[in-house]
Protein backbone atom coordinates (compact mmCIF):
# COMPACT_ATOMS: atom_id res chain seq x y z
CA MET A 1 33.95 195.20 186.95
CA LEU A 2 37.33 196.07 185.50
CA THR A 3 37.61 198.62 182.73
CA THR A 4 40.69 199.25 180.62
CA ILE A 5 41.27 202.64 179.07
CA GLU A 6 44.30 204.07 177.32
CA ALA A 7 45.91 207.21 178.66
CA GLU A 8 49.16 209.13 178.40
CA ILE A 9 51.10 210.45 181.39
CA ASP A 10 53.51 213.31 180.86
CA VAL A 11 56.76 213.74 182.80
CA ASN A 12 54.94 215.91 185.37
CA GLY A 13 52.43 213.14 186.09
CA LYS A 14 49.49 214.75 184.25
CA VAL A 15 47.16 212.03 182.95
CA THR A 16 45.38 212.53 179.61
CA PHE A 17 42.79 209.95 178.60
CA LEU A 18 42.92 208.96 174.91
CA GLU A 19 39.29 207.85 174.85
CA PRO A 20 36.15 208.94 176.72
CA LEU A 21 35.81 207.73 180.29
CA LYS A 22 32.35 207.64 181.85
CA ILE A 23 32.10 206.72 185.50
CA SER A 24 29.09 207.03 187.77
CA ARG A 25 30.92 207.05 191.12
CA LYS A 26 34.30 207.57 192.70
CA SER A 27 36.58 204.75 191.54
CA ARG A 28 40.04 203.36 192.23
CA ALA A 29 42.61 202.73 189.52
CA ILE A 30 45.90 200.94 189.02
CA ILE A 31 48.32 202.60 186.63
CA THR A 32 50.61 200.40 184.52
CA LEU A 33 53.34 202.23 182.65
CA LEU A 34 53.91 200.73 179.21
CA ASP A 35 57.08 200.57 177.18
CA GLU A 36 57.28 203.77 175.11
CA ASN A 37 57.59 201.59 171.99
CA ALA A 38 54.19 200.01 172.65
CA PRO A 39 51.52 200.70 170.00
CA LYS A 40 49.34 203.77 170.58
CA LYS A 41 46.07 201.85 170.21
CA HIS A 42 44.78 199.93 173.23
CA ALA A 43 45.69 196.26 173.43
CA ALA A 44 43.10 193.60 172.60
CA ARG A 45 41.15 192.10 175.45
CA PRO A 46 42.50 188.75 176.64
CA ASN A 47 39.87 186.71 174.77
CA GLU A 48 39.90 188.81 171.63
CA ASN A 49 41.93 187.21 168.85
CA GLU A 50 41.57 188.52 165.31
CA ASP A 51 43.50 185.55 163.92
CA THR A 52 40.66 183.15 164.77
CA GLY A 53 38.36 184.85 162.27
CA LYS A 54 35.45 184.26 164.66
CA ASP A 55 32.84 186.96 164.84
CA SER A 56 31.34 188.28 168.06
CA LYS A 57 28.20 186.11 167.85
CA THR A 58 30.22 182.91 167.38
CA ARG A 59 32.38 183.77 170.39
CA GLN A 60 29.25 184.53 172.45
CA LEU A 61 27.78 181.13 171.62
CA GLU A 62 31.04 179.38 172.47
CA TRP A 63 31.20 181.21 175.80
CA LEU A 64 27.60 180.24 176.60
CA LYS A 65 28.26 176.60 175.79
CA ALA A 66 31.42 176.53 177.92
CA ASN A 67 29.85 178.34 180.89
CA ARG A 68 26.25 177.08 180.75
CA ASP A 69 26.43 175.02 183.96
CA LYS A 70 28.08 177.78 186.02
CA TYR A 71 25.49 180.44 185.11
CA ALA A 72 22.35 178.32 184.55
CA GLY A 73 19.24 180.20 185.63
CA GLN A 74 20.97 183.59 185.55
CA TYR A 75 21.08 186.44 183.08
CA VAL A 76 24.52 187.21 181.65
CA ALA A 77 25.79 190.26 179.79
CA LEU A 78 28.53 189.50 177.27
CA ASP A 79 30.77 191.64 175.12
CA ALA A 80 31.77 189.00 172.54
CA ASP A 81 33.18 186.28 174.83
CA VAL A 82 33.89 188.52 177.82
CA LEU A 83 31.49 188.36 180.78
CA VAL A 84 30.49 191.91 181.71
CA ALA A 85 27.88 191.12 184.40
CA HIS A 86 25.53 188.41 185.66
CA ALA A 87 22.42 188.51 187.85
CA ASP A 88 19.32 186.56 188.82
CA THR A 89 16.86 188.96 187.16
CA ILE A 90 16.82 191.12 184.05
CA LYS A 91 16.17 194.16 186.25
CA GLU A 92 19.32 193.47 188.31
CA ILE A 93 21.51 193.01 185.26
CA ARG A 94 20.24 196.24 183.69
CA GLN A 95 21.06 198.04 186.95
CA LYS A 96 24.59 196.61 186.87
CA LEU A 97 25.01 197.89 183.31
CA GLN A 98 23.83 201.44 184.01
CA GLY A 99 26.45 203.99 183.06
CA LYS A 100 28.37 201.52 180.92
CA ASP A 101 28.69 201.67 177.15
CA ALA A 102 26.22 198.92 176.27
CA ALA A 103 26.43 199.25 172.48
CA ASN A 104 28.02 195.80 172.03
CA ILE A 105 26.55 194.11 175.10
CA PHE A 106 24.48 190.96 174.57
CA ILE A 107 22.12 189.98 177.42
CA VAL A 108 20.69 186.48 177.60
CA LYS A 109 19.20 184.13 180.18
CA VAL A 110 21.29 180.98 180.51
CA TYR A 111 19.46 177.67 180.70
CA ALA A 112 20.82 174.29 181.73
CA GLU A 113 21.58 171.99 178.81
CA GLU A 114 18.68 169.68 179.59
CA THR A 115 16.11 172.52 179.68
CA ILE A 116 13.41 172.26 177.01
CA LEU A 117 11.95 175.55 175.87
CA SER A 118 8.67 175.76 173.98
CA ALA A 119 7.47 178.69 171.94
CA GLY A 120 4.22 176.96 171.00
CA LEU A 121 2.79 176.52 167.55
C-alpha cells in the first residue's frame, strides 16, 4: 500500500515529517521535491474533490457500485472512495490494516449485483 506524508527537507538533507508516521516494518520511500511555492498542507488524494460536495459515504457507495464485479465475494477497506486493502476473509483484511490509522476506514463485504441477501423477519 502507498502512503503519502508531508515532510520538509533542509539544505543539509535532514528530513522532518510534518505529521506522525507510524510504520510497522522497514520500508522504502520515493522522495519528490515540491516547488517551494506549493501550499504547506498535503495535497488532496487523487479521488478527493471538495468541489463535488459529496460526502465520504456517498463516495464509498459510488466506488462499491463501480467496482462490485471486480471485488465480488471479497472484503474491501475503503477510505472514502480510495481502496486501502482487499482480502477473502475479514481476518485477512484486519491483518492487512494492522498498524494503519483506521479511523476513517470502512470495511464491507462486496456482493455481486444479483446476490439476494435476507435478514429474515
